Amino acid sequence: MQIFLDVKMGHYLITGFIKLKITYNDNHYLLDIDGKEFVDIDYDKQKEICHKLVDKVSEGVLQRFIEFACVGMGEYEDLGYCETCGEFVDKYVINI
């Protein structure tokens, strides 16, 4: 996926496309931006890139992002079995 961004990187302003790439195998994944591992990029620059990315995504993608954040970082509660729907129900709450 390539997304057009204007992002300050160090002393430079990058205007153009930043290439985001994720590579998966059975036990590992690698996320890189323009050939540099995401974890090696300064935290403030990571946040800046993420903010720009969120500005560019569709409503459906944004909803999935929020769902992922709630499940990944939220407080879990098992609500038990629902007789009405016939399924077990989980709840995640995140306060931001």
N, C-alpha and C. Protein backbone atom coordinates (compact mmCIF):
# COMPACT_ATOMS: atom_id res chain seq x y z
N MET A 1 0.85 -1.16 0.00
CA MET A 1 0.00 0.00 0.00
C MET A 1 0.90 1.22 0.00
N GLN A 2 0.64 2.17 -0.83
CA GLN A 2 1.35 3.43 -0.81
C GLN A 2 0.36 4.54 -0.54
N ILE A 3 0.71 5.39 0.40
CA ILE A 3 -0.19 6.47 0.81
C ILE A 3 0.57 7.78 0.70
N PHE A 4 -0.03 8.78 0.11
CA PHE A 4 0.58 10.07 -0.04
C PHE A 4 0.58 10.79 1.30
N LEU A 5 1.77 11.20 1.75
CA LEU A 5 1.88 11.87 3.04
C LEU A 5 2.84 13.05 2.95
N ASP A 6 2.64 14.02 3.79
CA ASP A 6 3.63 15.08 4.02
C ASP A 6 4.05 14.90 5.47
N VAL A 7 5.22 14.33 5.69
CA VAL A 7 5.66 13.97 7.04
C VAL A 7 7.06 14.51 7.27
N LYS A 8 7.27 15.16 8.41
CA LYS A 8 8.61 15.62 8.76
C LYS A 8 9.40 14.43 9.30
N MET A 9 10.54 14.15 8.69
CA MET A 9 11.41 13.07 9.14
C MET A 9 12.77 13.70 9.44
N GLY A 10 13.13 13.80 10.71
CA GLY A 10 14.39 14.46 11.07
C GLY A 10 14.31 15.92 10.70
N HIS A 11 15.27 16.38 9.93
CA HIS A 11 15.31 17.78 9.50
C HIS A 11 14.65 17.97 8.15
N TYR A 12 14.07 16.94 7.59
CA TYR A 12 13.54 16.99 6.24
C TYR A 12 12.02 16.90 6.26
N LEU A 13 11.40 17.51 5.28
CA LEU A 13 9.97 17.34 5.07
C LEU A 13 9.81 16.43 3.86
N ILE A 14 9.22 15.27 4.08
CA ILE A 14 8.99 14.33 2.99
C ILE A 14 7.63 14.63 2.40
N THR A 15 7.61 14.99 1.16
CA THR A 15 6.35 15.24 0.46
C THR A 15 6.29 14.23 -0.67
N GLY A 16 5.31 13.37 -0.63
CA GLY A 16 5.19 12.36 -1.66
C GLY A 16 4.67 11.08 -1.06
N PHE A 17 5.01 9.99 -1.70
CA PHE A 17 4.54 8.70 -1.25
C PHE A 17 5.52 8.08 -0.25
N ILE A 18 4.98 7.53 0.79
CA ILE A 18 5.76 6.72 1.72
C ILE A 18 5.28 5.30 1.53
N LYS A 19 6.20 4.40 1.33
CA LYS A 19 5.83 3.00 1.09
C LYS A 19 5.76 2.26 2.42
N LEU A 20 4.55 1.79 2.76
CA LEU A 20 4.34 0.98 3.96
C LEU A 20 4.26 -0.47 3.51
N LYS A 21 5.06 -1.33 4.15
CA LYS A 21 5.09 -2.73 3.75
C LYS A 21 5.09 -3.60 5.00
N ILE A 22 4.25 -4.63 4.98
CA ILE A 22 4.24 -5.60 6.07
C ILE A 22 4.46 -6.98 5.46
N THR A 23 5.37 -7.74 6.08
CA THR A 23 5.72 -9.07 5.60
C THR A 23 5.45 -10.06 6.73
N TYR A 24 4.70 -11.12 6.41
CA TYR A 24 4.33 -12.12 7.41
C TYR A 24 5.01 -13.46 7.11
N ASN A 25 5.34 -14.21 8.18
CA ASN A 25 5.59 -15.65 8.06
C ASN A 25 4.87 -16.30 9.23
N ASP A 26 5.13 -17.56 9.51
CA ASP A 26 4.37 -18.28 10.53
C ASP A 26 4.44 -17.64 11.92
N ASN A 27 5.61 -17.16 12.32
CA ASN A 27 5.78 -16.70 13.71
C ASN A 27 6.17 -15.24 13.84
N HIS A 28 6.24 -14.52 12.75
CA HIS A 28 6.83 -13.19 12.81
C HIS A 28 6.23 -12.30 11.72
N TYR A 29 6.25 -11.01 11.95
CA TYR A 29 5.92 -10.07 10.89
C TYR A 29 6.89 -8.90 10.96
N LEU A 30 7.07 -8.25 9.84
CA LEU A 30 7.96 -7.11 9.74
C LEU A 30 7.20 -5.97 9.09
N LEU A 31 7.16 -4.83 9.75
CA LEU A 31 6.54 -3.63 9.22
C LEU A 31 7.64 -2.64 8.92
N ASP A 32 7.73 -2.23 7.67
CA ASP A 32 8.72 -1.20 7.38
C ASP A 32 8.13 -0.06 6.58
N ILE A 33 8.76 1.08 6.75
CA ILE A 33 8.36 2.30 6.06
C ILE A 33 9.57 2.79 5.31
N ASP A 34 9.44 2.82 3.99
CA ASP A 34 10.54 3.23 3.12
C ASP A 34 11.82 2.47 3.44
N GLY A 35 11.70 1.16 3.69
CA GLY A 35 12.86 0.32 3.91
C GLY A 35 13.43 0.35 5.32
N LYS A 36 12.81 1.09 6.22
CA LYS A 36 13.28 1.17 7.61
C LYS A 36 12.25 0.52 8.51
N GLU A 37 12.70 -0.37 9.42
CA GLU A 37 11.76 -1.03 10.32
C GLU A 37 11.03 0.01 11.17
N PHE A 38 9.73 -0.20 11.33
CA PHE A 38 8.90 0.73 12.09
C PHE A 38 9.44 0.93 13.50
N VAL A 39 9.92 -0.14 14.14
CA VAL A 39 10.41 -0.03 15.51
C VAL A 39 11.68 0.81 15.60
N ASP A 40 12.38 1.01 14.50
CA ASP A 40 13.60 1.80 14.49
C ASP A 40 13.34 3.29 14.22
N ILE A 41 12.08 3.64 14.00
CA ILE A 41 11.70 5.03 13.76
C ILE A 41 11.32 5.65 15.10
N ASP A 42 11.76 6.87 15.34
CA ASP A 42 11.45 7.60 16.56
C ASP A 42 9.95 7.56 16.85
N TYR A 43 9.58 7.40 18.12
CA TYR A 43 8.18 7.26 18.53
C TYR A 43 7.32 8.43 18.05
N ASP A 44 7.81 9.66 18.18
CA ASP A 44 7.03 10.81 17.73
C ASP A 44 6.79 10.76 16.22
N LYS A 45 7.77 10.30 15.47
CA LYS A 45 7.60 10.16 14.02
C LYS A 45 6.63 9.03 13.70
N GLN A 46 6.66 7.94 14.49
CA GLN A 46 5.69 6.86 14.31
C GLN A 46 4.28 7.40 14.47
N LYS A 47 4.06 8.17 15.53
CA LYS A 47 2.73 8.73 15.79
C LYS A 47 2.31 9.67 14.66
N GLU A 48 3.24 10.47 14.18
CA GLU A 48 2.93 11.41 13.11
C GLU A 48 2.49 10.66 11.84
N ILE A 49 3.21 9.60 11.52
CA ILE A 49 2.86 8.78 10.36
C ILE A 49 1.48 8.14 10.56
N CYS A 50 1.22 7.62 11.76
CA CYS A 50 -0.08 6.99 12.05
C CYS A 50 -1.22 7.99 11.96
N HIS A 51 -1.01 9.20 12.46
CA HIS A 51 -2.05 10.24 12.37
C HIS A 51 -2.37 10.54 10.91
N LYS A 52 -1.35 10.67 10.09
CA LYS A 52 -1.56 10.94 8.66
C LYS A 52 -2.28 9.76 8.00
N LEU A 53 -1.91 8.55 8.39
CA LEU A 53 -2.55 7.37 7.82
C LEU A 53 -4.04 7.32 8.17
N VAL A 54 -4.37 7.60 9.43
CA VAL A 54 -5.77 7.60 9.87
C VAL A 54 -6.57 8.64 9.09
N ASP A 55 -5.95 9.77 8.77
CA ASP A 55 -6.64 10.80 7.98
C ASP A 55 -6.99 10.32 6.59
N LYS A 56 -6.29 9.29 6.08
CA LYS A 56 -6.47 8.85 4.70
C LYS A 56 -7.37 7.63 4.53
N VAL A 57 -7.70 6.93 5.60
CA VAL A 57 -8.41 5.66 5.46
C VAL A 57 -9.92 5.86 5.35
N SER A 58 -10.59 4.84 4.83
CA SER A 58 -12.05 4.87 4.71
C SER A 58 -12.70 4.65 6.07
N GLU A 59 -13.99 4.90 6.14
CA GLU A 59 -14.75 4.72 7.38
C GLU A 59 -14.68 3.28 7.87
N GLY A 60 -14.79 2.31 6.96
CA GLY A 60 -14.74 0.90 7.34
C GLY A 60 -13.40 0.50 7.92
N VAL A 61 -12.33 1.00 7.32
CA VAL A 61 -10.98 0.70 7.82
C VAL A 61 -10.78 1.35 9.18
N LEU A 62 -11.27 2.56 9.35
CA LEU A 62 -11.15 3.25 10.62
C LEU A 62 -11.90 2.50 11.73
N GLN A 63 -13.07 1.98 11.41
CA GLN A 63 -13.82 1.20 12.39
C GLN A 63 -13.04 -0.04 12.80
N ARG A 64 -12.42 -0.74 11.83
CA ARG A 64 -11.63 -1.93 12.15
C ARG A 64 -10.42 -1.56 13.02
N PHE A 65 -9.81 -0.41 12.76
CA PHE A 65 -8.69 0.06 13.57
C PHE A 65 -9.12 0.26 15.02
N ILE A 66 -10.28 0.89 15.21
CA ILE A 66 -10.79 1.13 16.56
C ILE A 66 -11.13 -0.19 17.25
N GLU A 67 -11.74 -1.13 16.51
CA GLU A 67 -12.03 -2.45 17.08
C GLU A 67 -10.75 -3.14 17.52
N PHE A 68 -9.72 -3.10 16.68
CA PHE A 68 -8.44 -3.73 16.99
C PHE A 68 -7.82 -3.09 18.24
N ALA A 69 -7.89 -1.77 18.34
CA ALA A 69 -7.34 -1.08 19.50
C ALA A 69 -8.08 -1.46 20.77
N CYS A 70 -9.41 -1.55 20.72
CA CYS A 70 -10.20 -1.93 21.90
C CYS A 70 -9.86 -3.33 22.37
N VAL A 71 -9.78 -4.28 21.44
CA VAL A 71 -9.47 -5.66 21.80
C VAL A 71 -8.03 -5.77 22.29
N GLY A 72 -7.11 -5.06 21.64
CA GLY A 72 -5.70 -5.16 22.00
C GLY A 72 -5.32 -4.45 23.27
N MET A 73 -6.00 -3.34 23.58
CA MET A 73 -5.59 -2.53 24.73
C MET A 73 -6.68 -2.37 25.77
N GLY A 74 -7.88 -2.83 25.47
CA GLY A 74 -9.00 -2.60 26.36
C GLY A 74 -9.07 -3.56 27.53
N GLU A 75 -9.88 -3.19 28.49
CA GLU A 75 -10.13 -4.03 29.65
C GLU A 75 -11.20 -5.06 29.27
N TYR A 76 -10.90 -6.33 29.49
CA TYR A 76 -11.76 -7.44 29.06
C TYR A 76 -12.77 -7.78 30.14
N GLU A 77 -14.00 -8.08 29.69
CA GLU A 77 -15.03 -8.59 30.59
C GLU A 77 -15.81 -9.68 29.86
N ASP A 78 -15.94 -10.83 30.50
CA ASP A 78 -16.72 -11.94 29.96
C ASP A 78 -18.16 -11.75 30.43
N LEU A 79 -19.06 -11.51 29.48
CA LEU A 79 -20.46 -11.28 29.83
C LEU A 79 -21.27 -12.57 29.87
N GLY A 80 -20.61 -13.69 29.57
CA GLY A 80 -21.28 -14.97 29.66
C GLY A 80 -22.09 -15.32 28.42
N TYR A 81 -22.98 -16.27 28.59
CA TYR A 81 -23.77 -16.79 27.49
C TYR A 81 -25.05 -15.97 27.33
N CYS A 82 -25.36 -15.61 26.09
CA CYS A 82 -26.59 -14.86 25.79
C CYS A 82 -27.65 -15.84 25.29
N GLU A 83 -28.73 -15.97 26.03
CA GLU A 83 -29.81 -16.87 25.64
C GLU A 83 -30.51 -16.39 24.37
N THR A 84 -30.57 -15.08 24.17
CA THR A 84 -31.26 -14.52 23.01
C THR A 84 -30.54 -14.84 21.70
N CYS A 85 -29.22 -14.62 21.68
CA CYS A 85 -28.48 -14.83 20.43
C CYS A 85 -27.81 -16.21 20.37
N GLY A 86 -27.74 -16.90 21.51
CA GLY A 86 -27.15 -18.23 21.52
C GLY A 86 -25.64 -18.25 21.42
N GLU A 87 -24.98 -17.18 21.85
CA GLU A 87 -23.53 -17.09 21.76
C GLU A 87 -22.96 -16.54 23.06
N PHE A 88 -21.67 -16.81 23.29
CA PHE A 88 -20.96 -16.20 24.40
C PHE A 88 -20.60 -14.77 24.00
N VAL A 89 -20.64 -13.85 24.95
CA VAL A 89 -20.43 -12.43 24.67
C VAL A 89 -19.23 -11.93 25.47
N ASP A 90 -18.32 -11.26 24.77
CA ASP A 90 -17.15 -10.63 25.38
C ASP A 90 -17.30 -9.12 25.23
N LYS A 91 -16.75 -8.38 26.20
CA LYS A 91 -16.77 -6.93 26.12
C LYS A 91 -15.38 -6.40 26.39
N TYR A 92 -14.97 -5.41 25.64
CA TYR A 92 -13.68 -4.74 25.83
C TYR A 92 -13.96 -3.24 25.99
N VAL A 93 -13.34 -2.62 26.98
CA VAL A 93 -13.53 -1.19 27.21
C VAL A 93 -12.17 -0.53 27.26
N ILE A 94 -12.04 0.56 26.51
CA ILE A 94 -10.82 1.35 26.56
C ILE A 94 -11.22 2.79 26.82
N ASN A 95 -10.55 3.43 27.76
CA ASN A 95 -10.80 4.84 28.07
C ASN A 95 -9.67 5.66 27.46
N ILE A 96 -10.05 6.59 26.58
CA ILE A 96 -9.02 7.42 25.94
C ILE A 96 -9.24 8.88 26.27
